[in-house]
Protein backbone atom coordinates (compact mmCIF):
# COMPACT_ATOMS: atom_id res chain seq x y z
CA MET A 1 40.51 55.20 -91.56
CA THR A 2 40.75 54.11 -87.92
CA GLU A 3 44.32 53.67 -86.74
CA GLN A 4 45.91 52.96 -83.37
CA GLU A 5 49.40 52.00 -82.34
CA ALA A 6 50.80 50.40 -79.19
CA SER A 7 54.33 49.42 -78.21
CA ALA A 8 55.70 47.15 -75.49
CA ASN A 9 58.53 44.66 -75.03
CA GLY A 10 60.29 45.86 -78.20
CA ILE A 11 57.19 45.13 -80.30
CA THR A 12 55.11 47.68 -82.18
CA ALA A 13 51.49 46.86 -82.96
CA ARG A 14 49.52 48.87 -85.48
CA TYR A 15 45.77 48.44 -85.89
CA TYR A 16 43.91 49.88 -88.85
CA VAL A 17 40.89 49.34 -91.06
CA THR A 18 41.07 49.08 -94.84
CA ASP A 19 38.24 48.93 -97.36
CA THR A 20 37.96 45.18 -96.81
CA GLU A 21 39.64 44.20 -93.52
CA ARG A 22 40.50 45.00 -89.94
CA VAL A 23 44.27 44.52 -89.63
CA LEU A 24 46.55 44.12 -86.63
CA GLU A 25 50.16 44.27 -87.72
CA PHE A 26 53.13 43.48 -85.45
CA ASP A 27 56.80 44.36 -85.93
CA ARG A 28 59.72 43.22 -83.80
CA GLU A 29 63.26 43.94 -84.95
CA GLY A 30 62.27 43.54 -88.61
CA ARG A 31 60.22 40.37 -88.05
CA THR A 32 56.54 40.84 -88.81
CA ALA A 33 53.19 39.15 -88.37
CA ALA A 34 49.67 40.23 -89.24
CA VAL A 35 46.21 39.23 -88.09
CA ALA A 36 43.31 40.19 -90.36
CA GLN A 37 39.53 39.89 -90.20
CA ASN A 38 36.82 40.93 -92.63
CA LEU A 39 34.96 44.14 -91.86
CA SER A 40 31.77 42.43 -90.71
CA GLY A 41 33.76 40.81 -87.91
CA TYR A 42 32.17 37.39 -88.31
CA ALA A 43 34.85 35.64 -90.32
CA MET A 44 37.80 33.70 -89.00
CA LEU A 45 41.02 35.55 -88.30
CA LYS A 46 43.77 35.12 -90.88
CA VAL A 47 47.39 35.02 -89.77
CA ARG A 48 50.02 36.12 -92.30
CA PRO A 49 53.78 36.66 -92.07
CA THR A 50 53.24 40.18 -93.49
CA VAL A 51 50.16 42.26 -94.22
CA ASP A 52 50.31 41.35 -97.91
CA GLY A 53 51.71 37.86 -97.38
CA ASP A 54 50.02 34.55 -98.01
CA GLU A 55 47.66 33.33 -95.32
CA LEU A 56 49.32 30.79 -93.03
CA GLU A 57 46.35 29.74 -90.92
CA ARG A 58 42.82 30.74 -89.86
CA TYR A 59 41.49 30.84 -86.31
CA TYR A 60 38.11 31.50 -84.68
CA GLY A 61 39.66 32.84 -81.51
CA PHE A 62 41.76 35.95 -81.12
CA ASP A 63 43.96 34.24 -78.50
CA MET A 64 44.93 31.49 -80.95
CA ALA A 65 45.70 34.03 -83.68
CA LEU A 66 47.86 36.03 -81.26
CA ASP A 67 49.64 32.84 -80.23
CA HIS A 68 50.57 32.16 -83.87
CA ALA A 69 51.61 35.79 -84.44
CA ALA A 70 53.83 35.63 -81.35
CA GLU A 71 55.41 32.43 -82.65
CA LEU A 72 56.27 34.19 -85.92
CA LEU A 73 57.92 36.99 -83.93
CA GLY A 74 59.72 34.63 -81.54
CA VAL A 75 58.03 36.01 -78.41
CA SER A 76 55.42 34.99 -75.86
CA PRO A 77 51.80 35.90 -76.69
CA THR A 78 51.68 37.88 -73.44
CA ASP A 79 54.43 40.14 -74.82
CA LEU A 80 52.22 41.36 -77.68
CA PRO A 81 50.74 44.83 -77.23
CA VAL A 82 47.16 45.03 -78.53
CA PRO A 83 45.66 48.45 -79.31
CA GLU A 84 42.25 48.95 -77.68
CA ASP A 85 40.24 48.94 -80.93
CA ALA A 86 41.71 45.55 -81.89
CA ALA A 87 40.83 43.84 -78.61
CA ASP A 88 37.48 42.58 -79.91
CA MET A 89 38.79 40.76 -82.97
CA GLY A 90 37.75 37.12 -83.35
CA MET A 91 34.47 35.36 -83.03
């Protein structure tokens, strides 16, 4: 399993790959958000309040998914740390 972590601005980002998805999970003071994409990398990004939570929205672009994740955390999208292996998520 590939796994990377990055921290900045009081936010921890954890990127990992499961059997079915690429996942970018954010945590800020107990508030969470997750962005997930299928393994082939061609599907839309799913934004969830938690890794196992119900899907809130789907986006083609990584920037839009990060914007929604930042909103869930109550921060600016530019505050989100993104591990290197997650930087190519989206279509």
